[in-house]
C-alpha atoms as a PDB file:
ATOM      1  CA  MET A   1     -34.877  26.823 -10.831  1.00  0.00           C
ATOM      2  CA  GLU A   2     -31.297  26.808  -9.508  1.00  0.00           C
ATOM      3  CA  THR A   3     -28.910  25.807 -12.251  1.00  0.00           C
ATOM      4  CA  GLU A   4     -26.505  23.913 -10.271  1.00  0.00           C
ATOM      5  CA  GLN A   5     -29.797  21.881  -9.212  1.00  0.00           C
ATOM      6  CA  ILE A   6     -30.504  21.337 -13.219  1.00  0.00           C
ATOM      7  CA  LYS A   7     -27.266  20.415 -13.728  1.00  0.00           C
ATOM      8  CA  ASP A   8     -27.041  17.724 -10.870  1.00  0.00           C
ATOM      9  CA  PHE A   9     -30.260  16.145 -12.137  1.00  0.00           C
ATOM     10  CA  PHE A  10     -28.746  15.615 -15.700  1.00  0.00           C
ATOM     11  CA  GLN A  11     -25.277  13.940 -14.448  1.00  0.00           C
ATOM     12  CA  ALA A  12     -27.734  10.650 -14.012  1.00  0.00           C
ATOM     13  CA  ASP A  13     -27.794  10.659 -17.823  1.00  0.00           C
ATOM     14  CA  ARG A  14     -25.288   8.293 -18.367  1.00  0.00           C
ATOM     15  CA  PHE A  15     -24.987   8.027 -21.832  1.00  0.00           C
ATOM     16  CA  ALA A  16     -24.196  11.791 -22.402  1.00  0.00           C
ATOM     17  CA  ALA A  17     -21.632  11.438 -19.416  1.00  0.00           C
ATOM     18  CA  ASN A  18     -19.954   8.629 -20.837  1.00  0.00           C
ATOM     19  CA  ALA A  19     -19.779  10.489 -23.711  1.00  0.00           C
ATOM     20  CA  GLY A  20     -17.777  13.105 -22.328  1.00  0.00           C
ATOM     21  CA  ILE A  21     -20.388  15.981 -22.522  1.00  0.00           C
ATOM     22  CA  GLU A  22     -20.360  18.384 -19.626  1.00  0.00           C
ATOM     23  CA  LEU A  23     -23.388  20.989 -18.897  1.00  0.00           C
ATOM     24  CA  LEU A  24     -21.791  24.042 -18.459  1.00  0.00           C
ATOM     25  CA  GLU A  25     -24.697  26.658 -18.116  1.00  0.00           C
ATOM     26  CA  VAL A  26     -28.958  26.058 -17.621  1.00  0.00           C
ATOM     27  CA  ARG A  27     -31.086  29.248 -17.025  1.00  0.00           C
ATOM     28  CA  GLU A  28     -34.900  29.327 -17.848  1.00  0.00           C
ATOM     29  CA  GLY A  29     -35.372  28.235 -21.482  1.00  0.00           C
ATOM     30  CA  TYR A  30     -31.456  28.127 -22.241  1.00  0.00           C
ATOM     31  CA  ALA A  31     -28.742  25.515 -21.838  1.00  0.00           C
ATOM     32  CA  LYS A  32     -25.189  25.514 -22.737  1.00  0.00           C
ATOM     33  CA  ALA A  33     -22.853  22.072 -23.258  1.00  0.00           C
ATOM     34  CA  SER A  34     -19.837  21.081 -24.531  1.00  0.00           C
ATOM     35  CA  LEU A  35     -17.915  18.013 -25.666  1.00  0.00           C
ATOM     36  CA  THR A  36     -14.350  18.068 -26.511  1.00  0.00           C
ATOM     37  CA  VAL A  37     -13.446  15.178 -29.486  1.00  0.00           C
ATOM     38  CA  THR A  38     -11.575  12.373 -28.832  1.00  0.00           C
ATOM     39  CA  PRO A  39     -10.850   9.273 -31.306  1.00  0.00           C
ATOM     40  CA  LYS A  40     -13.625   7.425 -29.523  1.00  0.00           C
ATOM     41  CA  HIS A  41     -16.044   9.912 -31.019  1.00  0.00           C
ATOM     42  CA  LEU A  42     -14.904   9.324 -34.861  1.00  0.00           C
ATOM     43  CA  ASN A  43     -16.652   7.430 -37.594  1.00  0.00           C
ATOM     44  CA  ALA A  44     -15.160   5.497 -39.957  1.00  0.00           C
ATOM     45  CA  GLY A  45     -13.861   8.601 -41.914  1.00  0.00           C
ATOM     46  CA  GLY A  46     -12.237  10.125 -39.254  1.00  0.00           C
ATOM     47  CA  ARG A  47     -14.941  12.836 -38.363  1.00  0.00           C
ATOM     48  CA  THR A  48     -17.163  13.224 -35.286  1.00  0.00           C
ATOM     49  CA  GLN A  49     -19.523  10.585 -35.519  1.00  0.00           C
ATOM     50  CA  GLY A  50     -23.405  12.392 -36.181  1.00  0.00           C
ATOM     51  CA  GLY A  51     -24.437  10.317 -33.324  1.00  0.00           C
ATOM     52  CA  ALA A  52     -21.930  12.417 -30.986  1.00  0.00           C
ATOM     53  CA  LEU A  53     -23.305  15.403 -32.224  1.00  0.00           C
ATOM     54  CA  PHE A  54     -27.099  14.040 -31.733  1.00  0.00           C
ATOM     55  CA  THR A  55     -26.182  13.271 -28.106  1.00  0.00           C
ATOM     56  CA  LEU A  56     -24.852  16.611 -27.495  1.00  0.00           C
ATOM     57  CA  ALA A  57     -27.332  18.463 -28.799  1.00  0.00           C
ATOM     58  CA  ASP A  58     -29.953  16.172 -27.291  1.00  0.00           C
ATOM     59  CA  LEU A  59     -28.732  16.527 -23.596  1.00  0.00           C
ATOM     60  CA  THR A  60     -28.577  20.433 -23.911  1.00  0.00           C
ATOM     61  CA  LEU A  61     -32.267  20.265 -25.252  1.00  0.00           C
ATOM     62  CA  ALA A  62     -33.033  18.271 -22.066  1.00  0.00           C
ATOM     63  CA  ALA A  63     -31.398  20.869 -19.509  1.00  0.00           C
ATOM     64  CA  ALA A  64     -33.447  23.348 -21.467  1.00  0.00           C
ATOM     65  CA  ALA A  65     -36.877  22.335 -21.853  1.00  0.00           C
ATOM     66  CA  ASN A  66     -36.409  20.996 -18.355  1.00  0.00           C
ATOM     67  CA  SER A  67     -35.222  24.536 -16.756  1.00  0.00           C
ATOM     68  CA  HIS A  68     -39.252  25.806 -15.853  1.00  0.00           C
ATOM     69  CA  GLY A  69     -39.156  22.726 -13.604  1.00  0.00           C
ATOM     70  CA  THR A  70     -41.458  20.319 -14.924  1.00  0.00           C
ATOM     71  CA  LEU A  71     -40.843  17.098 -16.967  1.00  0.00           C
ATOM     72  CA  ALA A  72     -40.418  17.742 -20.971  1.00  0.00           C
ATOM     73  CA  PHE A  73     -39.790  14.877 -23.196  1.00  0.00           C
ATOM     74  CA  SER A  74     -38.634  15.111 -26.628  1.00  0.00           C
ATOM     75  CA  LEU A  75     -41.527  14.273 -29.411  1.00  0.00           C
ATOM     76  CA  SER A  76     -39.295  14.814 -32.485  1.00  0.00           C
ATOM     77  CA  SER A  77     -35.871  15.948 -33.299  1.00  0.00           C
ATOM     78  CA  ASN A  78     -34.151  16.831 -36.583  1.00  0.00           C
ATOM     79  CA  ILE A  79     -30.728  17.541 -37.025  1.00  0.00           C
ATOM     80  CA  THR A  80     -28.701  19.215 -40.307  1.00  0.00           C
ATOM     81  CA  PHE A  81     -24.815  18.636 -40.256  1.00  0.00           C
ATOM     82  CA  LEU A  82     -22.907  21.501 -41.813  1.00  0.00           C
ATOM     83  CA  ARG A  83     -19.721  21.397 -41.280  1.00  0.00           C
ATOM     84  CA  ALA A  84     -16.732  17.947 -40.446  1.00  0.00           C
ATOM     85  CA  SER A  85     -15.256  18.263 -36.675  1.00  0.00           C
ATOM     86  CA  GLY A  86     -12.822  15.969 -35.306  1.00  0.00           C
ATOM     87  CA  THR A  87     -10.290  14.906 -32.607  1.00  0.00           C
ATOM     88  CA  GLY A  88      -9.576  17.930 -30.531  1.00  0.00           C
ATOM     89  CA  ASP A  89     -12.120  20.254 -31.971  1.00  0.00           C
ATOM     90  CA  THR A  90     -14.227  21.605 -28.667  1.00  0.00           C
ATOM     91  CA  LEU A  91     -18.180  21.736 -29.531  1.00  0.00           C
ATOM     92  CA  ILE A  92     -20.614  24.060 -27.770  1.00  0.00           C
ATOM     93  CA  ALA A  93     -24.210  23.065 -28.168  1.00  0.00           C
ATOM     94  CA  GLU A  94     -26.308  26.143 -27.168  1.00  0.00           C
ATOM     95  CA  ALA A  95     -30.058  25.550 -27.077  1.00  0.00           C
ATOM     96  CA  ARG A  96     -32.596  28.526 -27.021  1.00  0.00           C
ATOM     97  CA  GLU A  97     -36.402  27.924 -26.087  1.00  0.00           C
ATOM     98  CA  ARG A  98     -38.572  29.274 -29.453  1.00  0.00           C
ATOM     99  CA  TYR A  99     -41.661  28.554 -27.824  1.00  0.00           C
ATOM    100  CA  ILE A 100     -43.195  27.522 -24.562  1.00  0.00           C
ATOM    101  CA  GLY A 101     -46.660  26.519 -24.231  1.00  0.00           C
ATOM    102  CA  ARG A 102     -48.948  24.325 -21.444  1.00  0.00           C
ATOM    103  CA  THR A 103     -47.867  21.148 -23.218  1.00  0.00           C
ATOM    104  CA  THR A 104     -45.245  21.696 -25.653  1.00  0.00           C
ATOM    105  CA  GLY A 105     -42.174  23.715 -26.161  1.00  0.00           C
ATOM    106  CA  CYS A 106     -39.854  23.974 -29.246  1.00  0.00           C
ATOM    107  CA  TYR A 107     -36.259  24.436 -28.968  1.00  0.00           C
ATOM    108  CA  GLN A 108     -33.286  25.665 -31.484  1.00  0.00           C
ATOM    109  CA  ILE A 109     -29.707  24.251 -30.834  1.00  0.00           C
ATOM    110  CA  ASP A 110     -27.212  25.779 -32.318  1.00  0.00           C
ATOM    111  CA  ILE A 111     -23.339  23.622 -32.390  1.00  0.00           C
ATOM    112  CA  THR A 112     -20.497  25.446 -33.318  1.00  0.00           C
ATOM    113  CA  ASN A 113     -16.896  24.496 -33.114  1.00  0.00           C
ATOM    114  CA  GLN A 114     -13.929  26.353 -30.850  1.00  0.00           C
ATOM    115  CA  ASP A 115     -13.759  28.869 -33.664  1.00  0.00           C
ATOM    116  CA  GLY A 116     -17.707  29.840 -33.657  1.00  0.00           C
ATOM    117  CA  LYS A 117     -18.114  27.961 -36.946  1.00  0.00           C
ATOM    118  CA  LEU A 118     -21.384  26.358 -36.894  1.00  0.00           C
ATOM    119  CA  VAL A 119     -20.996  22.852 -37.681  1.00  0.00           C
ATOM    120  CA  ALA A 120     -25.022  21.307 -36.981  1.00  0.00           C
ATOM    121  CA  THR A 121     -27.882  23.197 -36.106  1.00  0.00           C
ATOM    122  CA  PHE A 122     -30.804  20.754 -34.223  1.00  0.00           C
ATOM    123  CA  GLU A 123     -34.500  21.283 -33.775  1.00  0.00           C
ATOM    124  CA  SER A 124     -36.898  19.437 -31.656  1.00  0.00           C
ATOM    125  CA  SER A 125     -40.260  19.852 -29.940  1.00  0.00           C
ATOM    126  CA  VAL A 126     -41.076  18.587 -26.749  1.00  0.00           C
ATOM    127  CA  PHE A 127     -44.282  17.560 -24.596  1.00  0.00           C
ATOM    128  CA  ARG A 128     -44.408  18.977 -20.864  1.00  0.00           C
ATOM    129  CA  MET A 129     -45.681  16.902 -18.216  1.00  0.00           C
ATOM    130  CA  GLY A 130     -47.561  17.819 -15.329  1.00  0.00           C
ATOM    131  CA  ASP A 131     -44.873  15.955 -13.176  1.00  0.00           C
ATOM    132  CA  THR A 132     -42.467  18.542 -11.335  1.00  0.00           C
ATOM    133  CA  LEU A 133     -38.770  17.857 -11.191  1.00  0.00           C
ATOM    134  CA  PRO A 134     -37.939  15.692  -7.911  1.00  0.00           C
ATOM    135  CA  PHE A 135     -36.158  18.943  -6.593  1.00  0.00           C
ATOM    136  CA  ALA A 136     -38.512  21.583  -7.774  1.00  0.00           C
ATOM    137  CA  ASP A 137     -39.482  23.961  -5.118  1.00  0.00           C
ATOM    138  CA  LYS A 138     -42.906  24.724  -5.758  1.00  0.00           C
ATOM    139  CA  SER A 139     -42.904  28.244  -3.865  1.00  0.00           C
ATOM    140  CA  ASP A 140     -40.823  29.450  -6.750  1.00  0.00           C
ATOM    141  CA  ASN A 141     -42.331  31.686  -9.763  1.00  0.00           C
ATOM    142  CA  ILE A 142     -42.692  29.236 -11.774  1.00  0.00           C
ATOM    143  CA  GLN A 143     -46.188  28.207 -12.801  1.00  0.00           C
ATOM    144  CA  HIS A 144     -47.033  24.105 -11.848  1.00  0.00           C
ATOM    145  CA  PRO A 145     -49.521  22.578 -13.618  1.00  0.00           C
ATOM    146  CA  GLN A 146     -52.619  21.870 -11.303  1.00  0.00           C
ATOM    147  CA  THR A 147     -52.610  18.134 -10.619  1.00  0.00           C
END
């Protein structure tokens, strides 16, 4: 699966794009995205709103989980907030595949700040559908489910 194709596919995620999230890297079972925190991302306490962190992690998860060329959707997710962040901080989310099976997968996403300090951890399980991504080439080395 080509990185640029995955990145282009997820440009259609208007919610993440409107939040200012940029998908930086995608390879099989891995994705990396960033968000520079602005005042629109803050909660009433002046810190990054939890939903902004969840959205950053969720887009990164989606890119990693779909990197095999078949559609995958989250079944469950859990986020743990560890450190505050605020305006001007650059947050980096990295998704790593922990398990992949025929119909499910598990992922760990770490969100760090510009100093490399852990801000949040996010764990998710996904359901892997048999549907191929619209641009996926079935002649690649990815095993596609039988239809």
